[in-house]
């Protein structure tokens, strides 16, 4: 009898272990599957009546200019803008430190590419993918958006946006191989799990602020 109880205890422990170790991968697969149909080609964007092209931040070089990943996102987003896919750019990034200003670096890049300043909206408090998507809806009144990012990141961005009520589609910007790819893929599994949990409660972002409708002038969002 004691041996049966001991075996039962170990069986329960084994089941718990399997559940705990498999759940993160099941959640990851769910987020990817739920979002994959909304990743489209640049040609397919012509069928979408988008309010804006949303470009999330991805980091800066030591000299304060966009790193390769962010540069590629900007290039693709500006290409879509110039081809009439959407009338505005929404640049969302981290401007939470005095000496780190992702959003103005993105703005300067877009201006240098010939985008009029009134068509550039700046979200200075896009500290995370979740906050970028939340603020796109709550601050900038975006209903439909084309999100431009690397493919590994688009799954989570699209999942977040659609769970928050934003009709979003993703266009991949990945013209090169980036260093640290395997590490980012592993970290993204954890991030997808984190954002899946956040969607259960939908907490307020760190900062909100007054409404700056995407239908107006982007100059209202400039600092």
N, C-alpha and C. Protein backbone atom coordinates (compact mmCIF):
# COMPACT_ATOMS: atom_id res chain seq x y z
N UNK A 1 0.83 -1.20 0.00
CA UNK A 1 0.00 0.00 0.00
C UNK A 1 0.87 1.26 0.00
N UNK A 2 1.93 1.25 0.88
CA UNK A 2 2.81 2.41 0.95
C UNK A 2 3.52 2.63 -0.38
N UNK A 3 3.89 1.51 -1.02
CA UNK A 3 4.58 1.63 -2.30
C UNK A 3 3.66 2.23 -3.34
N UNK A 4 2.38 1.85 -3.34
CA UNK A 4 1.41 2.40 -4.29
C UNK A 4 1.23 3.90 -4.08
N UNK A 5 1.19 4.32 -2.80
CA UNK A 5 1.05 5.75 -2.51
C UNK A 5 2.27 6.51 -2.99
N UNK A 6 3.45 5.91 -2.80
CA UNK A 6 4.69 6.56 -3.23
C UNK A 6 4.71 6.69 -4.75
N UNK A 7 4.28 5.64 -5.45
CA UNK A 7 4.24 5.68 -6.90
C UNK A 7 3.24 6.73 -7.39
N UNK A 8 2.11 6.81 -6.70
CA UNK A 8 1.08 7.79 -7.06
C UNK A 8 1.62 9.22 -6.90
N UNK A 9 2.37 9.44 -5.80
CA UNK A 9 2.94 10.76 -5.54
C UNK A 9 3.89 11.16 -6.65
N UNK A 10 4.74 10.23 -7.07
CA UNK A 10 5.69 10.54 -8.13
C UNK A 10 5.00 10.74 -9.47
N UNK A 11 3.90 10.03 -9.68
CA UNK A 11 3.14 10.21 -10.92
C UNK A 11 2.54 11.61 -10.98
N UNK A 12 2.02 12.07 -9.82
CA UNK A 12 1.45 13.43 -9.75
C UNK A 12 2.55 14.47 -9.99
N UNK A 13 3.70 14.26 -9.38
CA UNK A 13 4.83 15.19 -9.57
C UNK A 13 5.24 15.23 -11.04
N UNK A 14 5.26 14.07 -11.67
CA UNK A 14 5.64 14.01 -13.09
C UNK A 14 4.63 14.76 -13.96
N UNK A 15 3.35 14.59 -13.67
CA UNK A 15 2.31 15.29 -14.44
C UNK A 15 2.44 16.80 -14.27
N UNK A 16 2.65 17.22 -13.02
CA UNK A 16 2.82 18.66 -12.75
C UNK A 16 4.03 19.20 -13.50
N UNK A 17 5.11 18.44 -13.48
CA UNK A 17 6.34 18.86 -14.17
C UNK A 17 6.09 19.00 -15.67
N UNK A 18 5.40 18.04 -16.26
CA UNK A 18 5.12 18.09 -17.69
C UNK A 18 4.25 19.29 -18.04
N UNK A 19 3.24 19.53 -17.20
CA UNK A 19 2.34 20.68 -17.45
C UNK A 19 3.11 21.99 -17.37
N UNK A 20 3.93 22.12 -16.31
CA UNK A 20 4.66 23.37 -16.11
C UNK A 20 5.67 23.63 -17.22
N UNK A 21 6.33 22.59 -17.68
CA UNK A 21 7.36 22.77 -18.71
C UNK A 21 6.78 22.92 -20.11
N UNK A 22 5.60 22.36 -20.34
CA UNK A 22 5.02 22.43 -21.69
C UNK A 22 4.14 23.65 -21.90
N UNK A 23 3.58 24.20 -20.81
CA UNK A 23 2.65 25.33 -20.95
C UNK A 23 3.25 26.53 -21.66
N UNK A 24 4.48 26.97 -21.33
CA UNK A 24 5.04 28.12 -22.06
C UNK A 24 5.14 27.90 -23.56
N UNK A 25 5.44 26.67 -23.97
CA UNK A 25 5.57 26.39 -25.40
C UNK A 25 4.20 26.31 -26.07
N UNK A 26 3.19 25.84 -25.33
CA UNK A 26 1.83 25.82 -25.86
C UNK A 26 1.30 27.24 -26.03
N UNK A 27 1.57 28.11 -25.05
CA UNK A 27 1.14 29.51 -25.16
C UNK A 27 1.85 30.19 -26.32
N UNK A 28 3.14 29.92 -26.45
CA UNK A 28 3.91 30.49 -27.56
C UNK A 28 3.30 30.07 -28.90
N UNK A 29 2.99 28.80 -29.04
CA UNK A 29 2.40 28.29 -30.28
C UNK A 29 1.04 28.93 -30.55
N UNK A 30 0.28 29.13 -29.48
CA UNK A 30 -1.05 29.74 -29.63
C UNK A 30 -0.95 31.17 -30.15
N UNK A 31 -0.03 31.97 -29.57
CA UNK A 31 0.14 33.36 -30.00
C UNK A 31 0.57 33.40 -31.47
N UNK A 32 1.50 32.55 -31.85
CA UNK A 32 1.97 32.52 -33.24
C UNK A 32 0.84 32.14 -34.18
N UNK A 33 0.09 31.10 -33.82
CA UNK A 33 -1.00 30.62 -34.68
C UNK A 33 -2.11 31.67 -34.79
N UNK A 34 -2.42 32.34 -33.69
CA UNK A 34 -3.49 33.33 -33.69
C UNK A 34 -3.16 34.55 -34.55
N UNK A 35 -1.87 34.79 -34.79
CA UNK A 35 -1.45 36.01 -35.48
C UNK A 35 -0.99 35.78 -36.91
N UNK A 36 -0.65 34.56 -37.25
CA UNK A 36 0.04 34.30 -38.52
C UNK A 36 -0.77 34.72 -39.74
N UNK A 37 -2.09 34.60 -39.68
CA UNK A 37 -2.92 34.95 -40.84
C UNK A 37 -2.93 36.45 -41.13
N UNK A 38 -2.49 37.25 -40.18
CA UNK A 38 -2.53 38.70 -40.35
C UNK A 38 -1.20 39.28 -40.82
N UNK A 39 -0.23 38.40 -41.08
CA UNK A 39 1.02 38.86 -41.70
C UNK A 39 0.83 38.79 -43.21
N UNK A 40 0.96 39.94 -43.87
CA UNK A 40 0.65 40.03 -45.29
C UNK A 40 1.86 40.58 -46.05
N UNK A 41 1.81 40.47 -47.36
CA UNK A 41 2.87 41.00 -48.21
C UNK A 41 2.61 42.49 -48.47
N UNK A 42 3.64 43.24 -48.87
CA UNK A 42 3.42 44.65 -49.21
C UNK A 42 2.33 44.84 -50.27
N UNK A 43 2.22 43.92 -51.23
CA UNK A 43 1.19 44.05 -52.26
C UNK A 43 -0.22 43.93 -51.67
N UNK A 44 -0.36 43.09 -50.66
CA UNK A 44 -1.68 42.87 -50.06
C UNK A 44 -2.16 44.07 -49.25
N UNK A 45 -1.26 44.98 -48.91
CA UNK A 45 -1.66 46.16 -48.12
C UNK A 45 -2.61 47.06 -48.89
N UNK A 46 -2.64 46.93 -50.21
CA UNK A 46 -3.53 47.79 -51.00
C UNK A 46 -5.00 47.50 -50.70
N UNK A 47 -5.28 46.35 -50.13
CA UNK A 47 -6.66 45.99 -49.78
C UNK A 47 -7.06 46.49 -48.39
N UNK A 48 -6.13 47.10 -47.66
CA UNK A 48 -6.37 47.53 -46.29
C UNK A 48 -6.53 49.05 -46.25
N UNK A 49 -7.61 49.52 -45.66
CA UNK A 49 -7.81 50.96 -45.48
C UNK A 49 -7.24 51.36 -44.12
N UNK A 50 -5.93 51.51 -44.07
CA UNK A 50 -5.25 51.72 -42.78
C UNK A 50 -5.17 53.20 -42.43
N UNK A 51 -5.29 53.47 -41.13
CA UNK A 51 -5.13 54.84 -40.62
C UNK A 51 -3.66 55.24 -40.61
N UNK A 52 -2.78 54.27 -40.37
CA UNK A 52 -1.36 54.60 -40.25
C UNK A 52 -0.51 53.35 -40.43
N UNK A 53 0.77 53.60 -40.58
CA UNK A 53 1.78 52.57 -40.54
C UNK A 53 2.49 52.72 -39.20
N UNK A 54 2.41 51.70 -38.37
CA UNK A 54 2.95 51.75 -37.02
C UNK A 54 4.32 51.07 -37.01
N UNK A 55 5.33 51.82 -36.59
CA UNK A 55 6.69 51.28 -36.55
C UNK A 55 7.18 51.28 -35.10
N UNK A 56 7.31 50.11 -34.48
CA UNK A 56 7.83 50.05 -33.11
C UNK A 56 9.35 50.23 -33.09
N UNK A 57 9.84 50.77 -32.00
CA UNK A 57 11.27 50.95 -31.83
C UNK A 57 12.00 49.62 -31.70
N UNK A 58 13.31 49.66 -31.98
CA UNK A 58 14.12 48.43 -31.88
C UNK A 58 15.52 48.71 -31.38
N UNK A 59 15.82 49.96 -31.00
CA UNK A 59 17.14 50.25 -30.45
C UNK A 59 17.93 51.22 -31.31
N UNK A 60 18.95 51.80 -30.67
CA UNK A 60 19.80 52.79 -31.33
C UNK A 60 21.26 52.35 -31.29
N UNK A 61 22.04 52.85 -32.21
CA UNK A 61 23.48 52.68 -32.18
C UNK A 61 24.08 53.62 -31.13
N UNK A 62 25.33 53.43 -30.76
CA UNK A 62 25.96 54.32 -29.78
C UNK A 62 25.92 55.80 -30.18
N UNK A 63 25.87 56.08 -31.49
CA UNK A 63 25.84 57.47 -31.93
C UNK A 63 24.43 58.06 -31.94
N UNK A 64 23.43 57.27 -31.48
CA UNK A 64 22.08 57.77 -31.37
C UNK A 64 21.23 57.62 -32.61
N UNK A 65 21.73 56.98 -33.64
CA UNK A 65 20.96 56.73 -34.85
C UNK A 65 20.34 55.33 -34.79
N UNK A 66 19.28 55.08 -35.58
CA UNK A 66 18.64 53.76 -35.54
C UNK A 66 19.60 52.62 -35.84
N UNK A 67 19.49 51.54 -35.06
CA UNK A 67 20.30 50.36 -35.35
C UNK A 67 19.77 49.67 -36.61
N UNK A 68 20.41 48.58 -37.01
CA UNK A 68 20.05 47.95 -38.28
C UNK A 68 18.59 47.47 -38.29
N UNK A 69 18.15 46.89 -37.20
CA UNK A 69 16.78 46.39 -37.15
C UNK A 69 15.78 47.53 -37.28
N UNK A 70 16.02 48.60 -36.56
CA UNK A 70 15.11 49.74 -36.61
C UNK A 70 15.19 50.44 -37.96
N UNK A 71 16.38 50.56 -38.50
CA UNK A 71 16.54 51.17 -39.82
C UNK A 71 15.73 50.40 -40.86
N UNK A 72 15.77 49.08 -40.79
CA UNK A 72 15.03 48.27 -41.76
C UNK A 72 13.52 48.44 -41.58
N UNK A 73 13.07 48.55 -40.34
CA UNK A 73 11.65 48.80 -40.10
C UNK A 73 11.24 50.15 -40.69
N UNK A 74 12.07 51.15 -40.46
CA UNK A 74 11.77 52.49 -40.98
C UNK A 74 11.76 52.50 -42.50
N UNK A 75 12.73 51.86 -43.12
CA UNK A 75 12.80 51.83 -44.58
C UNK A 75 11.54 51.20 -45.17
N UNK A 76 11.12 50.09 -44.58
CA UNK A 76 9.92 49.41 -45.09
C UNK A 76 8.68 50.26 -44.85
N UNK A 77 8.58 50.84 -43.66
CA UNK A 77 7.42 51.67 -43.35
C UNK A 77 7.34 52.90 -44.24
N UNK A 78 8.46 53.55 -44.48
CA UNK A 78 8.49 54.73 -45.34
C UNK A 78 8.17 54.34 -46.78
N UNK A 79 8.65 53.19 -47.21
CA UNK A 79 8.31 52.70 -48.55
C UNK A 79 6.80 52.53 -48.71
N UNK A 80 6.16 51.92 -47.71
CA UNK A 80 4.71 51.73 -47.77
C UNK A 80 3.98 53.07 -47.75
N UNK A 81 4.46 53.98 -46.91
CA UNK A 81 3.85 55.32 -46.83
C UNK A 81 3.93 56.02 -48.19
N UNK A 82 5.08 55.99 -48.82
CA UNK A 82 5.26 56.68 -50.10
C UNK A 82 4.48 56.02 -51.22
N UNK A 83 4.08 54.76 -51.02
CA UNK A 83 3.26 54.07 -52.01
C UNK A 83 1.77 54.14 -51.68
N UNK A 84 1.42 55.02 -50.75
CA UNK A 84 0.02 55.31 -50.48
C UNK A 84 -0.72 54.28 -49.65
N UNK A 85 0.01 53.42 -48.94
CA UNK A 85 -0.65 52.39 -48.13
C UNK A 85 -1.41 53.01 -46.97
N UNK A 86 -0.87 54.06 -46.38
CA UNK A 86 -1.53 54.77 -45.27
C UNK A 86 -1.03 56.21 -45.28
N UNK A 87 -1.85 57.16 -44.77
CA UNK A 87 -1.48 58.58 -44.86
C UNK A 87 -0.56 59.07 -43.74
N UNK A 88 -0.33 58.24 -42.71
CA UNK A 88 0.46 58.69 -41.56
C UNK A 88 1.42 57.60 -41.10
N UNK A 89 2.51 58.04 -40.48
CA UNK A 89 3.42 57.13 -39.77
C UNK A 89 3.24 57.34 -38.28
N UNK A 90 3.15 56.26 -37.52
CA UNK A 90 3.14 56.33 -36.06
C UNK A 90 4.41 55.66 -35.56
N UNK A 91 5.32 56.48 -35.05
CA UNK A 91 6.62 55.99 -34.57
C UNK A 91 6.54 55.84 -33.06
N UNK A 92 6.68 54.61 -32.59
CA UNK A 92 6.49 54.34 -31.16
C UNK A 92 7.75 53.73 -30.57
N UNK A 93 8.32 54.41 -29.57
CA UNK A 93 9.56 53.91 -28.99
C UNK A 93 9.81 54.44 -27.61
N UNK A 94 11.03 54.23 -27.15
CA UNK A 94 11.43 54.55 -25.78
C UNK A 94 12.12 55.91 -25.73
N UNK A 95 11.49 56.84 -25.01
CA UNK A 95 12.09 58.15 -24.76
C UNK A 95 12.04 58.42 -23.27
N UNK A 96 12.32 57.36 -22.49
CA UNK A 96 12.18 57.45 -21.04
C UNK A 96 13.43 57.90 -20.31
N UNK A 97 14.54 58.10 -21.05
CA UNK A 97 15.78 58.53 -20.42
C UNK A 97 16.29 59.78 -21.12
N UNK A 98 16.98 60.59 -20.38
CA UNK A 98 17.46 61.87 -20.92
C UNK A 98 18.39 61.67 -22.12
N UNK A 99 19.21 60.65 -22.08
CA UNK A 99 20.20 60.45 -23.12
C UNK A 99 19.85 59.29 -24.05
N UNK A 100 18.58 58.90 -24.07
CA UNK A 100 18.15 57.83 -24.98
C UNK A 100 16.81 58.22 -25.56
N UNK A 101 16.80 58.59 -26.84
CA UNK A 101 15.59 59.12 -27.48
C UNK A 101 15.36 58.40 -28.80
N UNK A 102 14.71 57.24 -28.70
CA UNK A 102 14.43 56.44 -29.88
C UNK A 102 13.53 57.18 -30.86
N UNK A 103 12.51 57.84 -30.33
CA UNK A 103 11.46 58.37 -31.18
C UNK A 103 11.94 59.55 -32.03
N UNK A 104 12.74 60.44 -31.45
CA UNK A 104 13.25 61.54 -32.25
C UNK A 104 14.26 61.06 -33.29
N UNK A 105 15.02 60.01 -32.97
CA UNK A 105 15.92 59.43 -33.96
C UNK A 105 15.12 58.86 -35.13
N UNK A 106 13.98 58.24 -34.82
CA UNK A 106 13.11 57.70 -35.87
C UNK A 106 12.51 58.84 -36.69
N UNK A 107 12.09 59.90 -36.00
CA UNK A 107 11.52 61.05 -36.71
C UNK A 107 12.53 61.67 -37.66
N UNK A 108 13.75 61.88 -37.20
CA UNK A 108 14.78 62.48 -38.04
C UNK A 108 15.07 61.61 -39.26
N UNK A 109 15.04 60.31 -39.08
CA UNK A 109 15.26 59.39 -40.20
C UNK A 109 14.14 59.54 -41.23
N UNK A 110 12.89 59.60 -40.75
CA UNK A 110 11.75 59.75 -41.66
C UNK A 110 11.77 61.10 -42.37
N UNK A 111 12.13 62.16 -41.65
CA UNK A 111 12.21 63.49 -42.26
C UNK A 111 13.27 63.50 -43.36
N UNK A 112 14.42 62.88 -43.08
CA UNK A 112 15.50 62.83 -44.07
C UNK A 112 15.09 62.06 -45.32
N UNK A 113 14.12 61.15 -45.15
CA UNK A 113 13.63 60.37 -46.29
C UNK A 113 12.52 61.09 -47.04
N UNK A 114 12.17 62.30 -46.58
CA UNK A 114 11.19 63.10 -47.30
C UNK A 114 9.76 63.02 -46.81
N UNK A 115 9.54 62.43 -45.64
CA UNK A 115 8.18 62.37 -45.08
C UNK A 115 7.86 63.73 -44.44
N UNK A 116 6.74 64.35 -44.81
CA UNK A 116 6.38 65.64 -44.21
C UNK A 116 6.17 65.51 -42.71
N UNK A 117 6.60 66.49 -41.91
CA UNK A 117 6.49 66.39 -40.45
C UNK A 117 5.06 66.22 -39.95
N UNK A 118 4.10 66.80 -40.66
CA UNK A 118 2.71 66.68 -40.21
C UNK A 118 2.16 65.27 -40.36
N UNK A 119 2.85 64.44 -41.14
CA UNK A 119 2.41 63.05 -41.31
C UNK A 119 3.14 62.09 -40.37
N UNK A 120 3.99 62.63 -39.51
CA UNK A 120 4.76 61.81 -38.57
C UNK A 120 4.21 62.00 -37.17
N UNK A 121 3.66 60.94 -36.59
CA UNK A 121 3.18 60.96 -35.21
C UNK A 121 4.20 60.26 -34.33
N UNK A 122 4.46 60.85 -33.17
CA UNK A 122 5.49 60.33 -32.27
C UNK A 122 4.86 59.86 -30.95
N UNK A 123 5.07 58.60 -30.65
CA UNK A 123 4.65 58.04 -29.35
C UNK A 123 5.91 57.89 -28.50
N UNK A 124 6.10 58.83 -27.58
CA UNK A 124 7.31 58.86 -26.76
C UNK A 124 7.30 57.83 -25.64
N UNK A 125 6.17 57.20 -25.39
CA UNK A 125 6.05 56.27 -24.25
C UNK A 125 5.75 54.85 -24.70
N UNK A 126 6.29 54.48 -25.86
CA UNK A 126 6.14 53.10 -26.32
C UNK A 126 7.24 52.24 -25.74
N UNK A 127 7.22 52.07 -24.41
CA UNK A 127 8.30 51.38 -23.72
C UNK A 127 8.30 49.87 -23.95
N UNK A 128 7.19 49.35 -24.43
CA UNK A 128 7.08 47.91 -24.70
C UNK A 128 6.10 47.73 -25.85
N UNK A 129 6.09 46.54 -26.41
CA UNK A 129 5.14 46.25 -27.48
C UNK A 129 3.71 46.43 -26.99
N UNK A 130 3.43 45.95 -25.79
CA UNK A 130 2.10 46.10 -25.23
C UNK A 130 1.70 47.56 -25.13
N UNK A 131 2.60 48.40 -24.61
CA UNK A 131 2.28 49.81 -24.43
C UNK A 131 2.14 50.52 -25.77
N UNK A 132 2.94 50.14 -26.75
CA UNK A 132 2.82 50.75 -28.08
C UNK A 132 1.44 50.48 -28.67
N UNK A 133 0.96 49.25 -28.55
CA UNK A 133 -0.33 48.91 -29.12
C UNK A 133 -1.49 49.53 -28.32
N UNK A 134 -1.35 49.52 -27.01
CA UNK A 134 -2.38 50.10 -26.15
C UNK A 134 -2.53 51.59 -26.44
N UNK A 135 -1.41 52.29 -26.54
CA UNK A 135 -1.44 53.74 -26.76
C UNK A 135 -1.88 54.09 -28.18
N UNK A 136 -1.61 53.22 -29.14
CA UNK A 136 -2.08 53.46 -30.50
C UNK A 136 -3.61 53.58 -30.51
N UNK A 137 -4.26 52.75 -29.70
CA UNK A 137 -5.72 52.78 -29.62
C UNK A 137 -6.20 53.92 -28.74
N UNK A 138 -5.65 54.03 -27.53
CA UNK A 138 -6.21 54.94 -26.53
C UNK A 138 -5.78 56.39 -26.71
N UNK A 139 -4.57 56.63 -27.20
CA UNK A 139 -4.07 57.99 -27.36
C UNK A 139 -4.23 58.50 -28.79
N UNK A 140 -3.93 57.65 -29.76
CA UNK A 140 -3.91 58.11 -31.14
C UNK A 140 -5.17 57.72 -31.93
N UNK A 141 -6.11 57.08 -31.26
CA UNK A 141 -7.41 56.74 -31.87
C UNK A 141 -7.26 55.97 -33.18
N UNK A 142 -6.31 55.07 -33.21
CA UNK A 142 -6.09 54.24 -34.41
C UNK A 142 -7.08 53.09 -34.42
N UNK A 143 -7.75 52.91 -35.53
CA UNK A 143 -8.66 51.78 -35.69
C UNK A 143 -8.03 50.65 -36.50
N UNK A 144 -7.31 51.03 -37.55
CA UNK A 144 -6.68 50.04 -38.43
C UNK A 144 -5.24 50.46 -38.70
N UNK A 145 -4.31 49.52 -38.57
CA UNK A 145 -2.90 49.86 -38.73
C UNK A 145 -2.16 48.76 -39.46
N UNK A 146 -1.12 49.17 -40.17
CA UNK A 146 -0.14 48.25 -40.72
C UNK A 146 1.09 48.33 -39.82
N UNK A 147 1.45 47.24 -39.17
CA UNK A 147 2.62 47.21 -38.30
C UNK A 147 3.81 46.67 -39.08
N UNK A 148 4.93 47.37 -39.01
CA UNK A 148 6.13 46.94 -39.71
C UNK A 148 7.18 46.54 -38.68
N UNK A 149 7.64 45.30 -38.78
CA UNK A 149 8.65 44.81 -37.84
C UNK A 149 9.27 43.53 -38.41
N UNK A 150 10.24 42.98 -37.69
CA UNK A 150 10.78 41.68 -38.07
C UNK A 150 9.74 40.60 -37.76
N UNK A 151 9.80 39.50 -38.48
CA UNK A 151 8.73 38.50 -38.39
C UNK A 151 8.58 37.94 -36.98
N UNK A 152 9.71 37.65 -36.31
CA UNK A 152 9.63 37.05 -34.98
C UNK A 152 8.84 37.95 -34.02
N UNK A 153 8.92 39.25 -34.23
CA UNK A 153 8.26 40.21 -33.35
C UNK A 153 6.81 40.49 -33.78
N UNK A 154 6.53 40.34 -35.05
CA UNK A 154 5.19 40.66 -35.55
C UNK A 154 4.11 39.80 -34.91
N UNK A 155 4.42 38.53 -34.64
CA UNK A 155 3.40 37.66 -34.04
C UNK A 155 2.86 38.27 -32.75
N UNK A 156 3.74 38.70 -31.90
CA UNK A 156 3.32 39.26 -30.61
C UNK A 156 2.66 40.63 -30.79
N UNK A 157 3.22 41.45 -31.66
CA UNK A 157 2.64 42.77 -31.90
C UNK A 157 1.21 42.65 -32.42
N UNK A 158 1.00 41.72 -33.33
CA UNK A 158 -0.35 41.52 -33.88
C UNK A 158 -1.29 40.92 -32.85
N UNK A 159 -0.79 39.98 -32.07
CA UNK A 159 -1.63 39.39 -31.03
C UNK A 159 -2.08 40.46 -30.04
N UNK A 160 -1.14 41.26 -29.57
CA UNK A 160 -1.46 42.33 -28.63
C UNK A 160 -2.47 43.30 -29.22
N UNK A 161 -2.20 43.77 -30.43
CA UNK A 161 -3.05 44.80 -31.02
C UNK A 161 -4.48 44.30 -31.20
N UNK A 162 -4.63 43.10 -31.67
CA UNK A 162 -5.98 42.59 -31.92
C UNK A 162 -6.72 42.28 -30.62
N UNK A 163 -6.01 41.85 -29.61
CA UNK A 163 -6.64 41.64 -28.31
C UNK A 163 -7.08 42.96 -27.70
N UNK A 164 -6.42 44.06 -28.08
CA UNK A 164 -6.76 45.38 -27.56
C UNK A 164 -7.76 46.13 -28.44
N UNK A 165 -8.25 45.47 -29.48
CA UNK A 165 -9.27 46.07 -30.32
C UNK A 165 -8.76 46.81 -31.53
N UNK A 166 -7.49 46.69 -31.84
CA UNK A 166 -6.90 47.35 -33.00
C UNK A 166 -6.86 46.36 -34.17
N UNK A 167 -7.48 46.74 -35.27
CA UNK A 167 -7.43 45.90 -36.46
C UNK A 167 -6.06 46.10 -37.11
N UNK A 168 -5.20 45.15 -36.92
CA UNK A 168 -3.82 45.31 -37.36
C UNK A 168 -3.39 44.20 -38.31
N UNK A 169 -2.53 44.58 -39.22
CA UNK A 169 -1.90 43.65 -40.15
C UNK A 169 -0.41 43.92 -40.12
N UNK A 170 0.39 42.89 -40.36
CA UNK A 170 1.83 43.04 -40.26
C UNK A 170 2.54 42.84 -41.59
N UNK A 171 3.55 43.67 -41.82
CA UNK A 171 4.42 43.51 -42.98
C UNK A 171 5.83 43.27 -42.46
N UNK A 172 6.45 42.22 -42.96
CA UNK A 172 7.78 41.84 -42.48
C UNK A 172 8.85 42.77 -43.08
N UNK A 173 9.75 43.21 -42.22
CA UNK A 173 10.93 43.95 -42.65
C UNK A 173 12.15 43.18 -42.15
N UNK A 174 12.74 42.40 -43.03
CA UNK A 174 13.85 41.53 -42.63
C UNK A 174 14.77 41.27 -43.82
N UNK A 175 15.41 42.33 -44.34
CA UNK A 175 16.24 42.16 -45.53
C UNK A 175 17.62 41.60 -45.27
N UNK A 176 17.95 41.38 -43.99
CA UNK A 176 19.29 40.88 -43.65
C UNK A 176 19.22 39.97 -42.43
N UNK A 177 20.31 39.29 -42.14
CA UNK A 177 20.40 38.46 -40.94
C UNK A 177 21.02 39.30 -39.83
N UNK A 178 20.38 39.28 -38.66
CA UNK A 178 20.83 40.10 -37.54
C UNK A 178 21.59 39.25 -36.52
N UNK A 179 22.59 39.87 -35.93
CA UNK A 179 23.34 39.18 -34.87
C UNK A 179 22.43 38.91 -33.69
N UNK A 180 22.67 37.80 -32.99
CA UNK A 180 21.88 37.47 -31.81
C UNK A 180 20.50 36.92 -32.12
N UNK A 181 20.33 36.36 -33.29
CA UNK A 181 19.00 35.89 -33.71
C UNK A 181 18.45 34.82 -32.77
N UNK A 182 19.28 33.84 -32.43
CA UNK A 182 18.81 32.73 -31.58
C UNK A 182 18.39 33.23 -30.19
N UNK A 183 19.18 34.15 -29.66
CA UNK A 183 18.84 34.70 -28.35
C UNK A 183 17.51 35.44 -28.40
N UNK A 184 17.28 36.21 -29.45
CA UNK A 184 16.01 36.95 -29.57
C UNK A 184 14.83 36.00 -29.71
N UNK A 185 15.02 34.93 -30.46
CA UNK A 185 13.93 33.96 -30.62
C UNK A 185 13.55 33.33 -29.27
N UNK A 186 14.57 32.98 -28.47
CA UNK A 186 14.29 32.40 -27.15
C UNK A 186 13.62 33.42 -26.24
N UNK A 187 14.14 34.64 -26.23
CA UNK A 187 13.55 35.69 -25.39
C UNK A 187 12.12 35.99 -25.81
N UNK A 188 11.86 35.88 -27.10
CA UNK A 188 10.52 36.18 -27.60
C UNK A 188 9.49 35.17 -27.10
N UNK A 189 9.90 33.93 -26.90
CA UNK A 189 8.98 32.94 -26.32
C UNK A 189 8.53 33.41 -24.94
N UNK A 190 9.46 33.89 -24.14
CA UNK A 190 9.12 34.40 -22.81
C UNK A 190 8.24 35.64 -22.92
N UNK A 191 8.55 36.52 -23.88
CA UNK A 191 7.77 37.74 -24.04
C UNK A 191 6.35 37.44 -24.49
N UNK A 192 6.18 36.45 -25.34
CA UNK A 192 4.83 36.07 -25.77
C UNK A 192 4.01 35.54 -24.60
N UNK A 193 4.65 34.78 -23.74
CA UNK A 193 3.97 34.29 -22.54
C UNK A 193 3.58 35.45 -21.62
N UNK A 194 4.50 36.40 -21.45
CA UNK A 194 4.23 37.55 -20.59
C UNK A 194 3.04 38.36 -21.13
N UNK A 195 3.04 38.63 -22.42
CA UNK A 195 1.97 39.43 -22.99
C UNK A 195 0.64 38.67 -23.04
N UNK A 196 0.70 37.35 -23.20
CA UNK A 196 -0.51 36.54 -23.12
C UNK A 196 -1.16 36.72 -21.75
N UNK A 197 -0.34 36.68 -20.70
CA UNK A 197 -0.86 36.87 -19.35
C UNK A 197 -1.39 38.29 -19.16
N UNK A 198 -0.69 39.27 -19.72
CA UNK A 198 -1.14 40.65 -19.59
C UNK A 198 -2.50 40.87 -20.24
N UNK A 199 -2.77 40.16 -21.31
CA UNK A 199 -4.05 40.32 -21.99
C UNK A 199 -5.23 39.82 -21.16
N UNK A 200 -4.92 39.03 -20.15
CA UNK A 200 -6.00 38.57 -19.28
C UNK A 200 -6.50 39.68 -18.36
N UNK A 201 -5.64 40.68 -18.11
CA UNK A 201 -6.03 41.78 -17.22
C UNK A 201 -5.96 43.14 -17.89
N UNK A 202 -5.21 43.26 -18.97
CA UNK A 202 -5.08 44.50 -19.74
C UNK A 202 -4.79 45.71 -18.84
N UNK A 203 -3.64 45.72 -18.17
CA UNK A 203 -3.31 46.85 -17.29
C UNK A 203 -3.06 48.12 -18.07
N UNK A 204 -3.23 49.27 -17.41
CA UNK A 204 -2.92 50.54 -18.04
C UNK A 204 -1.42 50.65 -18.29
N UNK A 205 -1.01 51.30 -19.37
CA UNK A 205 0.41 51.52 -19.58
C UNK A 205 0.97 52.50 -18.56
N UNK A 206 2.29 52.63 -18.53
CA UNK A 206 2.95 53.51 -17.55
C UNK A 206 2.49 54.94 -17.70
N UNK A 207 2.32 55.38 -18.95
CA UNK A 207 1.85 56.74 -19.22
C UNK A 207 0.71 56.70 -20.21
N UNK A 208 -0.27 57.57 -20.03
CA UNK A 208 -1.32 57.77 -21.01
C UNK A 208 -1.17 59.20 -21.54
N UNK A 209 -2.13 60.07 -21.23
CA UNK A 209 -2.01 61.45 -21.69
C UNK A 209 -3.18 61.85 -22.56
N UNK A 210 -3.16 63.09 -23.07
CA UNK A 210 -4.28 63.58 -23.89
C UNK A 210 -4.33 62.89 -25.24
N UNK A 211 -5.51 62.89 -25.82
CA UNK A 211 -5.72 62.27 -27.13
C UNK A 211 -5.05 63.09 -28.23
N UNK A 212 -4.40 62.39 -29.15
CA UNK A 212 -3.80 63.02 -30.33
C UNK A 212 -4.26 62.20 -31.53
N UNK A 213 -5.45 62.47 -32.05
CA UNK A 213 -6.01 61.62 -33.09
C UNK A 213 -5.12 61.52 -34.33
N UNK A 214 -4.97 60.30 -34.83
CA UNK A 214 -4.14 60.05 -36.00
C UNK A 214 -4.71 60.75 -37.23
N UNK A 215 -5.96 61.15 -37.18
CA UNK A 215 -6.59 61.83 -38.31
C UNK A 215 -6.18 63.29 -38.42
N UNK A 216 -5.51 63.82 -37.37
CA UNK A 216 -5.10 65.21 -37.36
C UNK A 216 -3.67 65.40 -37.85
N UNK A 217 -2.98 66.34 -37.24
CA UNK A 217 -1.60 66.64 -37.61
C UNK A 217 -0.63 66.03 -36.64
N UNK A 218 0.41 65.39 -37.18
CA UNK A 218 1.43 64.80 -36.33
C UNK A 218 2.22 65.80 -35.53
N UNK A 219 2.19 67.08 -35.94
CA UNK A 219 2.93 68.12 -35.23
C UNK A 219 2.50 68.23 -33.78
N UNK A 220 1.27 67.83 -33.48
CA UNK A 220 0.77 67.89 -32.10
C UNK A 220 1.51 66.92 -31.19
N UNK A 221 2.14 65.92 -31.77
CA UNK A 221 2.84 64.91 -30.96
C UNK A 221 4.34 65.19 -30.86
N UNK A 222 4.82 66.20 -31.58
CA UNK A 222 6.26 66.48 -31.57
C UNK A 222 6.65 67.26 -30.32
N UNK A 223 7.88 67.05 -29.85
CA UNK A 223 8.33 67.79 -28.68
C UNK A 223 9.22 68.97 -29.07
